[in-house]
PDB file of N, CA and C in Angstrom:
ATOM      1  N   MET A   1       9.914  14.027  -2.801  1.00  0.00           N
ATOM      2  CA  MET A   1       9.812  14.335  -1.395  1.00  0.00           C
ATOM      3  C   MET A   1      10.088  13.058  -0.609  1.00  0.00           C
ATOM      4  N   ALA A   2      11.139  13.089   0.156  1.00  0.00           N
ATOM      5  CA  ALA A   2      11.503  11.924   0.963  1.00  0.00           C
ATOM      6  C   ALA A   2      10.728  11.952   2.275  1.00  0.00           C
ATOM      7  N   LEU A   3      10.113  10.836   2.577  1.00  0.00           N
ATOM      8  CA  LEU A   3       9.365  10.719   3.823  1.00  0.00           C
ATOM      9  C   LEU A   3      10.220   9.993   4.850  1.00  0.00           C
ATOM     10  N   SER A   4      10.116  10.444   6.081  1.00  0.00           N
ATOM     11  CA  SER A   4      10.818   9.729   7.138  1.00  0.00           C
ATOM     12  C   SER A   4      10.095   8.411   7.400  1.00  0.00           C
ATOM     13  N   ARG A   5      10.742   7.559   8.152  1.00  0.00           N
ATOM     14  CA  ARG A   5      10.158   6.243   8.437  1.00  0.00           C
ATOM     15  C   ARG A   5       8.838   6.387   9.207  1.00  0.00           C
ATOM     16  N   LYS A   6       8.814   7.305  10.153  1.00  0.00           N
ATOM     17  CA  LYS A   6       7.605   7.520  10.952  1.00  0.00           C
ATOM     18  C   LYS A   6       6.461   8.036  10.077  1.00  0.00           C
ATOM     19  N   GLU A   7       6.782   8.983   9.184  1.00  0.00           N
ATOM     20  CA  GLU A   7       5.760   9.516   8.283  1.00  0.00           C
ATOM     21  C   GLU A   7       5.220   8.434   7.352  1.00  0.00           C
ATOM     22  N   ARG A   8       6.120   7.565   6.875  1.00  0.00           N
ATOM     23  CA  ARG A   8       5.681   6.471   5.995  1.00  0.00           C
ATOM     24  C   ARG A   8       4.770   5.503   6.738  1.00  0.00           C
ATOM     25  N   GLU A   9       5.098   5.203   7.990  1.00  0.00           N
ATOM     26  CA  GLU A   9       4.254   4.301   8.781  1.00  0.00           C
ATOM     27  C   GLU A   9       2.881   4.921   9.036  1.00  0.00           C
ATOM     28  N   GLN A  10       2.863   6.218   9.345  1.00  0.00           N
ATOM     29  CA  GLN A  10       1.586   6.903   9.564  1.00  0.00           C
ATOM     30  C   GLN A  10       0.758   6.940   8.280  1.00  0.00           C
ATOM     31  N   LEU A  11       1.429   7.180   7.162  1.00  0.00           N
ATOM     32  CA  LEU A  11       0.735   7.213   5.881  1.00  0.00           C
ATOM     33  C   LEU A  11       0.197   5.828   5.518  1.00  0.00           C
ATOM     34  N   ALA A  12       0.976   4.794   5.796  1.00  0.00           N
ATOM     35  CA  ALA A  12       0.515   3.426   5.534  1.00  0.00           C
ATOM     36  C   ALA A  12      -0.709   3.091   6.381  1.00  0.00           C
ATOM     37  N   LEU A  13      -0.701   3.521   7.630  1.00  0.00           N
ATOM     38  CA  LEU A  13      -1.854   3.293   8.501  1.00  0.00           C
ATOM     39  C   LEU A  13      -3.083   4.060   7.997  1.00  0.00           C
ATOM     40  N   ALA A  14      -2.876   5.299   7.563  1.00  0.00           N
ATOM     41  CA  ALA A  14      -3.984   6.099   7.027  1.00  0.00           C
ATOM     42  C   ALA A  14      -4.546   5.465   5.757  1.00  0.00           C
ATOM     43  N   ILE A  15      -3.673   4.941   4.907  1.00  0.00           N
ATOM     44  CA  ILE A  15      -4.120   4.270   3.681  1.00  0.00           C
ATOM     45  C   ILE A  15      -4.942   3.038   4.025  1.00  0.00           C
ATOM     46  N   GLU A  16      -4.476   2.275   4.984  1.00  0.00           N
ATOM     47  CA  GLU A  16      -5.192   1.061   5.384  1.00  0.00           C
ATOM     48  C   GLU A  16      -6.581   1.394   5.944  1.00  0.00           C
ATOM     49  N   GLN A  17      -6.650   2.405   6.808  1.00  0.00           N
ATOM     50  CA  GLN A  17      -7.936   2.795   7.397  1.00  0.00           C
ATOM     51  C   GLN A  17      -8.898   3.335   6.340  1.00  0.00           C
ATOM     52  N   GLU A  18      -8.375   4.117   5.425  1.00  0.00           N
ATOM     53  CA  GLU A  18      -9.232   4.684   4.386  1.00  0.00           C
ATOM     54  C   GLU A  18      -9.741   3.597   3.440  1.00  0.00           C
ATOM     55  N   ASN A  19      -8.912   2.599   3.188  1.00  0.00           N
ATOM     56  CA  ASN A  19      -9.333   1.481   2.348  1.00  0.00           C
ATOM     57  C   ASN A  19     -10.477   0.708   3.008  1.00  0.00           C
ATOM     58  N   VAL A  20     -10.373   0.498   4.324  1.00  0.00           N
ATOM     59  CA  VAL A  20     -11.447  -0.183   5.060  1.00  0.00           C
ATOM     60  C   VAL A  20     -12.738   0.635   4.983  1.00  0.00           C
ATOM     61  N   MET A  21     -12.626   1.937   5.131  1.00  0.00           N
ATOM     62  CA  MET A  21     -13.815   2.787   5.066  1.00  0.00           C
ATOM     63  C   MET A  21     -14.450   2.764   3.674  1.00  0.00           C
ATOM     64  N   LEU A  22     -13.628   2.731   2.628  1.00  0.00           N
ATOM     65  CA  LEU A  22     -14.182   2.665   1.276  1.00  0.00           C
ATOM     66  C   LEU A  22     -14.918   1.351   1.040  1.00  0.00           C
ATOM     67  N   LYS A  23     -14.408   0.272   1.617  1.00  0.00           N
ATOM     68  CA  LYS A  23     -15.116  -1.008   1.498  1.00  0.00           C
ATOM     69  C   LYS A  23     -16.470  -0.937   2.195  1.00  0.00           C
ATOM     70  N   ARG A  24     -16.519  -0.250   3.338  1.00  0.00           N
ATOM     71  CA  ARG A  24     -17.797  -0.076   4.040  1.00  0.00           C
ATOM     72  C   ARG A  24     -18.765   0.761   3.215  1.00  0.00           C
ATOM     73  N   VAL A  25     -18.253   1.805   2.588  1.00  0.00           N
ATOM     74  CA  VAL A  25     -19.109   2.653   1.759  1.00  0.00           C
ATOM     75  C   VAL A  25     -19.674   1.840   0.592  1.00  0.00           C
ATOM     76  N   LYS A  26     -18.866   0.941   0.023  1.00  0.00           N
ATOM     77  CA  LYS A  26     -19.360   0.077  -1.058  1.00  0.00           C
ATOM     78  C   LYS A  26     -20.523  -0.787  -0.586  1.00  0.00           C
ATOM     79  N   ARG A  27     -20.387  -1.354   0.618  1.00  0.00           N
ATOM     80  CA  ARG A  27     -21.473  -2.181   1.163  1.00  0.00           C
ATOM     81  C   ARG A  27     -22.727  -1.348   1.409  1.00  0.00           C
ATOM     82  N   VAL A  28     -22.541  -0.136   1.893  1.00  0.00           N
ATOM     83  CA  VAL A  28     -23.681   0.755   2.129  1.00  0.00           C
ATOM     84  C   VAL A  28     -24.368   1.086   0.803  1.00  0.00           C
ATOM     85  N   ILE A  29     -23.587   1.333  -0.232  1.00  0.00           N
ATOM     86  CA  ILE A  29     -24.157   1.639  -1.546  1.00  0.00           C
ATOM     87  C   ILE A  29     -24.967   0.456  -2.062  1.00  0.00           C
ATOM     88  N   ARG A  30     -24.454  -0.759  -1.883  1.00  0.00           N
ATOM     89  CA  ARG A  30     -25.211  -1.948  -2.302  1.00  0.00           C
ATOM     90  C   ARG A  30     -26.554  -2.028  -1.582  1.00  0.00           C
ATOM     91  N   THR A  31     -26.540  -1.793  -0.287  1.00  0.00           N
ATOM     92  CA  THR A  31     -27.781  -1.819   0.491  1.00  0.00           C
ATOM     93  C   THR A  31     -28.737  -0.724   0.029  1.00  0.00           C
ATOM     94  N   GLU A  32     -28.209   0.451  -0.238  1.00  0.00           N
ATOM     95  CA  GLU A  32     -29.045   1.557  -0.696  1.00  0.00           C
ATOM     96  C   GLU A  32     -29.657   1.270  -2.062  1.00  0.00           C
ATOM     97  N   ILE A  33     -28.921   0.609  -2.940  1.00  0.00           N
ATOM     98  CA  ILE A  33     -29.463   0.248  -4.254  1.00  0.00           C
ATOM     99  C   ILE A  33     -30.636  -0.716  -4.094  1.00  0.00           C
ATOM    100  N   ILE A  34     -30.501  -1.676  -3.197  1.00  0.00           N
ATOM    101  CA  ILE A  34     -31.589  -2.629  -2.957  1.00  0.00           C
ATOM    102  C   ILE A  34     -32.819  -1.911  -2.404  1.00  0.00           C
ATOM    103  N   LEU A  35     -32.615  -1.029  -1.431  1.00  0.00           N
ATOM    104  CA  LEU A  35     -33.744  -0.279  -0.867  1.00  0.00           C
ATOM    105  C   LEU A  35     -34.385   0.642  -1.903  1.00  0.00           C
ATOM    106  N   PHE A  36     -33.566   1.270  -2.730  1.00  0.00           N
ATOM    107  CA  PHE A  36     -34.088   2.137  -3.782  1.00  0.00           C
ATOM    108  C   PHE A  36     -34.950   1.329  -4.753  1.00  0.00           C
ATOM    109  N   ALA A  37     -34.474   0.137  -5.131  1.00  0.00           N
ATOM    110  CA  ALA A  37     -35.253  -0.724  -6.029  1.00  0.00           C
ATOM    111  C   ALA A  37     -36.579  -1.128  -5.383  1.00  0.00           C
ATOM    112  N   LEU A  38     -36.553  -1.416  -4.093  1.00  0.00           N
ATOM    113  CA  LEU A  38     -37.780  -1.773  -3.381  1.00  0.00           C
ATOM    114  C   LEU A  38     -38.783  -0.612  -3.388  1.00  0.00           C
ATOM    115  N   PHE A  39     -38.296   0.592  -3.144  1.00  0.00           N
ATOM    116  CA  PHE A  39     -39.187   1.750  -3.167  1.00  0.00           C
ATOM    117  C   PHE A  39     -39.719   2.020  -4.578  1.00  0.00           C
ATOM    118  N   VAL A  40     -38.914   1.749  -5.595  1.00  0.00           N
ATOM    119  CA  VAL A  40     -39.394   1.905  -6.973  1.00  0.00           C
ATOM    120  C   VAL A  40     -40.511   0.906  -7.262  1.00  0.00           C
ATOM    121  N   VAL A  41     -40.363  -0.324  -6.762  1.00  0.00           N
ATOM    122  CA  VAL A  41     -41.426  -1.321  -6.932  1.00  0.00           C
ATOM    123  C   VAL A  41     -42.704  -0.842  -6.243  1.00  0.00           C
ATOM    124  N   PHE A  42     -42.584  -0.322  -5.025  1.00  0.00           N
ATOM    125  CA  PHE A  42     -43.760   0.221  -4.333  1.00  0.00           C
ATOM    126  C   PHE A  42     -44.385   1.370  -5.125  1.00  0.00           C
ATOM    127  N   PHE A  43     -43.535   2.233  -5.658  1.00  0.00           N
ATOM    128  CA  PHE A  43     -44.006   3.370  -6.443  1.00  0.00           C
ATOM    129  C   PHE A  43     -44.818   2.896  -7.648  1.00  0.00           C
ATOM    130  N   VAL A  44     -44.249   1.965  -8.404  1.00  0.00           N
ATOM    131  CA  VAL A  44     -44.926   1.465  -9.605  1.00  0.00           C
ATOM    132  C   VAL A  44     -46.216   0.745  -9.228  1.00  0.00           C
ATOM    133  N   TRP A  45     -46.151  -0.074  -8.193  1.00  0.00           N
ATOM    134  CA  TRP A  45     -47.339  -0.818  -7.771  1.00  0.00           C
ATOM    135  C   TRP A  45     -48.445   0.128  -7.301  1.00  0.00           C
ATOM    136  N   GLY A  46     -48.081   1.151  -6.548  1.00  0.00           N
ATOM    137  CA  GLY A  46     -49.080   2.076  -6.023  1.00  0.00           C
ATOM    138  C   GLY A  46     -49.690   2.986  -7.077  1.00  0.00           C
ATOM    139  N   TRP A  47     -48.902   3.410  -8.051  1.00  0.00           N
ATOM    140  CA  TRP A  47     -49.392   4.361  -9.042  1.00  0.00           C
ATOM    141  C   TRP A  47     -50.095   3.702 -10.224  1.00  0.00           C
ATOM    142  N   TYR A  48     -49.602   2.539 -10.655  1.00  0.00           N
ATOM    143  CA  TYR A  48     -50.059   2.021 -11.936  1.00  0.00           C
ATOM    144  C   TYR A  48     -50.878   0.742 -11.873  1.00  0.00           C
ATOM    145  N   ASP A  49     -50.853   0.016 -10.782  1.00  0.00           N
ATOM    146  CA  ASP A  49     -51.448  -1.308 -10.795  1.00  0.00           C
ATOM    147  C   ASP A  49     -52.722  -1.343  -9.957  1.00  0.00           C
ATOM    148  N   ARG A  50     -53.815  -0.836 -10.485  1.00  0.00           N
ATOM    149  CA  ARG A  50     -55.085  -0.821  -9.764  1.00  0.00           C
ATOM    150  C   ARG A  50     -55.837  -2.147  -9.916  1.00  0.00           C
ATOM    151  N   ASN A  51     -55.511  -2.951 -10.904  1.00  0.00           N
ATOM    152  CA  ASN A  51     -56.157  -4.250 -11.116  1.00  0.00           C
ATOM    153  C   ASN A  51     -55.109  -5.346 -10.990  1.00  0.00           C
ATOM    154  N   ASP A  52     -54.651  -5.576  -9.785  1.00  0.00           N
ATOM    155  CA  ASP A  52     -53.589  -6.544  -9.538  1.00  0.00           C
ATOM    156  C   ASP A  52     -54.158  -7.961  -9.561  1.00  0.00           C
ATOM    157  N   LYS A  53     -53.520  -8.845 -10.330  1.00  0.00           N
ATOM    158  CA  LYS A  53     -53.980 -10.231 -10.429  1.00  0.00           C
ATOM    159  C   LYS A  53     -53.538 -11.066  -9.227  1.00  0.00           C
ATOM    160  N   MET A  54     -52.385 -10.760  -8.663  1.00  0.00           N
ATOM    161  CA  MET A  54     -51.873 -11.551  -7.541  1.00  0.00           C
ATOM    162  C   MET A  54     -52.548 -11.172  -6.224  1.00  0.00           C
ATOM    163  N   LEU A  55     -52.767  -9.897  -6.023  1.00  0.00           N
ATOM    164  CA  LEU A  55     -53.407  -9.410  -4.795  1.00  0.00           C
ATOM    165  C   LEU A  55     -54.638  -8.588  -5.181  1.00  0.00           C
ATOM    166  N   PRO A  56     -55.735  -9.241  -5.567  1.00  0.00           N
ATOM    167  CA  PRO A  56     -56.877  -8.494  -6.100  1.00  0.00           C
ATOM    168  C   PRO A  56     -57.683  -7.740  -5.048  1.00  0.00           C
ATOM    169  N   HIS A  57     -57.505  -8.052  -3.772  1.00  0.00           N
ATOM    170  CA  HIS A  57     -58.349  -7.449  -2.742  1.00  0.00           C
ATOM    171  C   HIS A  57     -57.653  -6.324  -1.979  1.00  0.00           C
ATOM    172  N   VAL A  58     -56.645  -5.717  -2.563  1.00  0.00           N
ATOM    173  CA  VAL A  58     -55.979  -4.585  -1.923  1.00  0.00           C
ATOM    174  C   VAL A  58     -56.818  -3.342  -2.201  1.00  0.00           C
ATOM    175  N   SER A  59     -57.171  -2.642  -1.162  1.00  0.00           N
ATOM    176  CA  SER A  59     -58.050  -1.475  -1.316  1.00  0.00           C
ATOM    177  C   SER A  59     -57.302  -0.301  -1.936  1.00  0.00           C
ATOM    178  N   ASP A  60     -58.079   0.636  -2.456  1.00  0.00           N
ATOM    179  CA  ASP A  60     -57.481   1.829  -3.052  1.00  0.00           C
ATOM    180  C   ASP A  60     -56.757   2.671  -2.005  1.00  0.00           C
ATOM    181  N   GLY A  61     -57.258   2.680  -0.785  1.00  0.00           N
ATOM    182  CA  GLY A  61     -56.587   3.420   0.290  1.00  0.00           C
ATOM    183  C   GLY A  61     -55.211   2.850   0.595  1.00  0.00           C
ATOM    184  N   ALA A  62     -55.114   1.523   0.615  1.00  0.00           N
ATOM    185  CA  ALA A  62     -53.811   0.890   0.856  1.00  0.00           C
ATOM    186  C   ALA A  62     -52.858   1.167  -0.298  1.00  0.00           C
ATOM    187  N   LEU A  63     -53.382   1.148  -1.527  1.00  0.00           N
ATOM    188  CA  LEU A  63     -52.530   1.456  -2.679  1.00  0.00           C
ATOM    189  C   LEU A  63     -52.061   2.906  -2.647  1.00  0.00           C
ATOM    190  N   ASP A  64     -52.900   3.804  -2.140  1.00  0.00           N
ATOM    191  CA  ASP A  64     -52.475   5.203  -2.001  1.00  0.00           C
ATOM    192  C   ASP A  64     -51.338   5.331  -0.992  1.00  0.00           C
ATOM    193  N   VAL A  65     -51.438   4.601   0.106  1.00  0.00           N
ATOM    194  CA  VAL A  65     -50.361   4.624   1.108  1.00  0.00           C
ATOM    195  C   VAL A  65     -49.083   4.047   0.505  1.00  0.00           C
ATOM    196  N   ILE A  66     -49.197   2.926  -0.203  1.00  0.00           N
ATOM    197  CA  ILE A  66     -48.031   2.305  -0.843  1.00  0.00           C
ATOM    198  C   ILE A  66     -47.432   3.255  -1.874  1.00  0.00           C
ATOM    199  N   LYS A  67     -48.302   3.940  -2.608  1.00  0.00           N
ATOM    200  CA  LYS A  67     -47.854   4.895  -3.621  1.00  0.00           C
ATOM    201  C   LYS A  67     -46.993   5.989  -2.989  1.00  0.00           C
ATOM    202  N   TRP A  68     -47.450   6.552  -1.877  1.00  0.00           N
ATOM    203  CA  TRP A  68     -46.704   7.643  -1.255  1.00  0.00           C
ATOM    204  C   TRP A  68     -45.463   7.151  -0.521  1.00  0.00           C
ATOM    205  N   ILE A  69     -45.519   5.953   0.026  1.00  0.00           N
ATOM    206  CA  ILE A  69     -44.303   5.375   0.618  1.00  0.00           C
ATOM    207  C   ILE A  69     -43.246   5.197  -0.464  1.00  0.00           C
ATOM    208  N   GLY A  70     -43.662   4.680  -1.615  1.00  0.00           N
ATOM    209  CA  GLY A  70     -42.727   4.499  -2.725  1.00  0.00           C
ATOM    210  C   GLY A  70     -42.175   5.804  -3.252  1.00  0.00           C
ATOM    211  N   THR A  71     -43.036   6.813  -3.352  1.00  0.00           N
ATOM    212  CA  THR A  71     -42.604   8.111  -3.874  1.00  0.00           C
ATOM    213  C   THR A  71     -41.614   8.791  -2.933  1.00  0.00           C
ATOM    214  N   ILE A  72     -41.989   8.915  -1.678  1.00  0.00           N
ATOM    215  CA  ILE A  72     -41.130   9.606  -0.711  1.00  0.00           C
ATOM    216  C   ILE A  72     -39.866   8.797  -0.434  1.00  0.00           C
ATOM    217  N   GLY A  73     -40.028   7.493  -0.218  1.00  0.00           N
ATOM    218  CA  GLY A  73     -38.861   6.647   0.042  1.00  0.00           C
ATOM    219  C   GLY A  73     -37.902   6.612  -1.129  1.00  0.00           C
ATOM    220  N   GLY A  74     -38.437   6.548  -2.351  1.00  0.00           N
ATOM    221  CA  GLY A  74     -37.580   6.543  -3.537  1.00  0.00           C
ATOM    222  C   GLY A  74     -36.814   7.845  -3.698  1.00  0.00           C
ATOM    223  N   ALA A  75     -37.486   8.966  -3.436  1.00  0.00           N
ATOM    224  CA  ALA A  75     -36.810  10.261  -3.546  1.00  0.00           C
ATOM    225  C   ALA A  75     -35.696  10.387  -2.506  1.00  0.00           C
ATOM    226  N   VAL A  76     -36.002  10.010  -1.277  1.00  0.00           N
ATOM    227  CA  VAL A  76     -34.996  10.101  -0.207  1.00  0.00           C
ATOM    228  C   VAL A  76     -33.825   9.157  -0.491  1.00  0.00           C
ATOM    229  N   MET A  77     -34.138   7.914  -0.865  1.00  0.00           N
ATOM    230  CA  MET A  77     -33.061   6.956  -1.138  1.00  0.00           C
ATOM    231  C   MET A  77     -32.252   7.366  -2.364  1.00  0.00           C
ATOM    232  N   GLY A  78     -32.902   7.986  -3.348  1.00  0.00           N
ATOM    233  CA  GLY A  78     -32.169   8.475  -4.519  1.00  0.00           C
ATOM    234  C   GLY A  78     -31.157   9.543  -4.140  1.00  0.00           C
ATOM    235  N   ILE A  79     -31.568  10.470  -3.288  1.00  0.00           N
ATOM    236  CA  ILE A  79     -30.650  11.522  -2.833  1.00  0.00           C
ATOM    237  C   ILE A  79     -29.509  10.919  -2.019  1.00  0.00           C
ATOM    238  N   ILE A  80     -29.842  10.015  -1.109  1.00  0.00           N
ATOM    239  CA  ILE A  80     -28.808   9.373  -0.290  1.00  0.00           C
ATOM    240  C   ILE A  80     -27.850   8.576  -1.166  1.00  0.00           C
ATOM    241  N   LEU A  81     -28.378   7.906  -2.183  1.00  0.00           N
ATOM    242  CA  LEU A  81     -27.544   7.116  -3.082  1.00  0.00           C
ATOM    243  C   LEU A  81     -26.583   8.004  -3.869  1.00  0.00           C
ATOM    244  N   ILE A  82     -27.066   9.134  -4.348  1.00  0.00           N
ATOM    245  CA  ILE A  82     -26.199  10.070  -5.065  1.00  0.00           C
ATOM    246  C   ILE A  82     -25.093  10.581  -4.146  1.00  0.00           C
ATOM    247  N   LEU A  83     -25.441  10.947  -2.920  1.00  0.00           N
ATOM    248  CA  LEU A  83     -24.431  11.428  -1.973  1.00  0.00           C
ATOM    249  C   LEU A  83     -23.414  10.335  -1.637  1.00  0.00           C
ATOM    250  N   SER A  84     -23.864   9.096  -1.554  1.00  0.00           N
ATOM    251  CA  SER A  84     -22.946   7.989  -1.273  1.00  0.00           C
ATOM    252  C   SER A  84     -21.985   7.763  -2.435  1.00  0.00           C
ATOM    253  N   PHE A  85     -22.490   7.868  -3.671  1.00  0.00           N
ATOM    254  CA  PHE A  85     -21.611   7.734  -4.832  1.00  0.00           C
ATOM    255  C   PHE A  85     -20.564   8.848  -4.849  1.00  0.00           C
ATOM    256  N   ILE A  86     -20.972  10.067  -4.522  1.00  0.00           N
ATOM    257  CA  ILE A  86     -20.023  11.182  -4.467  1.00  0.00           C
ATOM    258  C   ILE A  86     -18.988  10.932  -3.377  1.00  0.00           C
ATOM    259  N   SER A  87     -19.430  10.454  -2.229  1.00  0.00           N
ATOM    260  CA  SER A  87     -18.519  10.149  -1.127  1.00  0.00           C
ATOM    261  C   SER A  87     -17.512   9.077  -1.532  1.00  0.00           C
ATOM    262  N   TYR A  88     -17.984   8.031  -2.189  1.00  0.00           N
ATOM    263  CA  TYR A  88     -17.089   6.958  -2.627  1.00  0.00           C
ATOM    264  C   TYR A  88     -16.077   7.481  -3.641  1.00  0.00           C
ATOM    265  N   SER A  89     -16.545   8.289  -4.578  1.00  0.00           N
ATOM    266  CA  SER A  89     -15.652   8.828  -5.602  1.00  0.00           C
ATOM    267  C   SER A  89     -14.567   9.713  -4.982  1.00  0.00           C
ATOM    268  N   ASN A  90     -14.959  10.606  -4.083  1.00  0.00           N
ATOM    269  CA  ASN A  90     -13.984  11.490  -3.437  1.00  0.00           C
ATOM    270  C   ASN A  90     -13.026  10.709  -2.540  1.00  0.00           C
ATOM    271  N   GLY A  91     -13.538   9.712  -1.830  1.00  0.00           N
ATOM    272  CA  GLY A  91     -12.678   8.885  -0.985  1.00  0.00           C
ATOM    273  C   GLY A  91     -11.667   8.104  -1.801  1.00  0.00           C
ATOM    274  N   ARG A  92     -12.101   7.619  -2.945  1.00  0.00           N
ATOM    275  CA  ARG A  92     -11.192   6.860  -3.811  1.00  0.00           C
ATOM    276  C   ARG A  92     -10.088   7.764  -4.354  1.00  0.00           C
ATOM    277  N   LYS A  93     -10.451   8.984  -4.757  1.00  0.00           N
ATOM    278  CA  LYS A  93      -9.442   9.937  -5.232  1.00  0.00           C
ATOM    279  C   LYS A  93      -8.428  10.236  -4.134  1.00  0.00           C
ATOM    280  N   SER A  94      -8.914  10.435  -2.922  1.00  0.00           N
ATOM    281  CA  SER A  94      -8.037  10.717  -1.790  1.00  0.00           C
ATOM    282  C   SER A  94      -7.108   9.539  -1.509  1.00  0.00           C
ATOM    283  N   LEU A  95      -7.658   8.337  -1.558  1.00  0.00           N
ATOM    284  CA  LEU A  95      -6.854   7.141  -1.307  1.00  0.00           C
ATOM    285  C   LEU A  95      -5.770   6.981  -2.366  1.00  0.00           C
ATOM    286  N   LEU A  96      -6.111   7.192  -3.630  1.00  0.00           N
ATOM    287  CA  LEU A  96      -5.117   7.069  -4.696  1.00  0.00           C
ATOM    288  C   LEU A  96      -4.025   8.130  -4.565  1.00  0.00           C
ATOM    289  N   ALA A  97      -4.386   9.336  -4.127  1.00  0.00           N
ATOM    290  CA  ALA A  97      -3.384  10.381  -3.912  1.00  0.00           C
ATOM    291  C   ALA A  97      -2.430   9.988  -2.785  1.00  0.00           C
ATOM    292  N   LYS A  98      -2.969   9.393  -1.719  1.00  0.00           N
ATOM    293  CA  LYS A  98      -2.112   8.952  -0.612  1.00  0.00           C
ATOM    294  C   LYS A  98      -1.217   7.795  -1.036  1.00  0.00           C
ATOM    295  N   ILE A  99      -1.730   6.901  -1.851  1.00  0.00           N
ATOM    296  CA  ILE A  99      -0.908   5.786  -2.339  1.00  0.00           C
ATOM    297  C   ILE A  99       0.222   6.316  -3.213  1.00  0.00           C
ATOM    298  N   ASN A 100      -0.074   7.296  -4.074  1.00  0.00           N
ATOM    299  CA  ASN A 100       0.979   7.899  -4.897  1.00  0.00           C
ATOM    300  C   ASN A 100       2.033   8.582  -4.034  1.00  0.00           C
ATOM    301  N   LEU A 101       1.607   9.282  -3.000  1.00  0.00           N
ATOM    302  CA  LEU A 101       2.549   9.932  -2.083  1.00  0.00           C
ATOM    303  C   LEU A 101       3.418   8.897  -1.383  1.00  0.00           C
ATOM    304  N   TYR A 102       2.805   7.797  -0.986  1.00  0.00           N
ATOM    305  CA  TYR A 102       3.540   6.713  -0.320  1.00  0.00           C
ATOM    306  C   TYR A 102       4.583   6.121  -1.273  1.00  0.00           C
ATOM    307  N   ASP A 103       4.190   5.895  -2.525  1.00  0.00           N
ATOM    308  CA  ASP A 103       5.122   5.331  -3.506  1.00  0.00           C
ATOM    309  C   ASP A 103       6.257   6.299  -3.836  1.00  0.00           C
ATOM    310  N   GLU A 104       5.951   7.599  -3.913  1.00  0.00           N
ATOM    311  CA  GLU A 104       6.995   8.593  -4.172  1.00  0.00           C
ATOM    312  C   GLU A 104       7.985   8.654  -3.016  1.00  0.00           C
ATOM    313  N   GLY A 105       7.486   8.597  -1.803  1.00  0.00           N
ATOM    314  CA  GLY A 105       8.359   8.624  -0.629  1.00  0.00           C
ATOM    315  C   GLY A 105       9.208   7.375  -0.530  1.00  0.00           C
ATOM    316  N   LYS A 106       8.706   6.286  -1.044  1.00  0.00           N
ATOM    317  CA  LYS A 106       9.437   5.019  -1.013  1.00  0.00           C
ATOM    318  C   LYS A 106      10.564   5.011  -2.039  1.00  0.00           C
ATOM    319  N   GLY A 107      10.317   5.616  -3.189  1.00  0.00           N
ATOM    320  CA  GLY A 107      11.284   5.565  -4.275  1.00  0.00           C
ATOM    321  C   GLY A 107      12.494   6.458  -4.076  1.00  0.00           C
ATOM    322  N   LYS A 108      12.378   7.536  -3.357  1.00  0.00           N
ATOM    323  CA  LYS A 108      13.476   8.506  -3.215  1.00  0.00           C
ATOM    324  C   LYS A 108      14.122   8.388  -1.852  1.00  0.00           C
ATOM    325  N   LYS A 109      14.861   7.345  -1.645  1.00  0.00           N
ATOM    326  CA  LYS A 109      15.588   7.197  -0.384  1.00  0.00           C
ATOM    327  C   LYS A 109      17.029   7.508  -0.565  1.00  0.00           C
TER     328      LYS A 109
END
């Protein structure tokens, strides 16, 4: 399929914009992984560590709050992280398809 010059320029612009968006999604995924790890630490600390050596004067009520923050935050961040991975995967497939279309249009002049 031969692409006209205008179509090739539009496709090149779309490829460039989609590449920028995928880089942003990667940064978002990195941030989400860090937040997910933080919530997992809260979860473990709240559920399992009733005799903490570093912070021995934390009350059971505070540990219960930390426990539920870790549980709810971890579940929400886990779902968001899965959706972000799916978004990145689908965006990458779309970008590669556009790059292949661009290369095919370039080769058949």
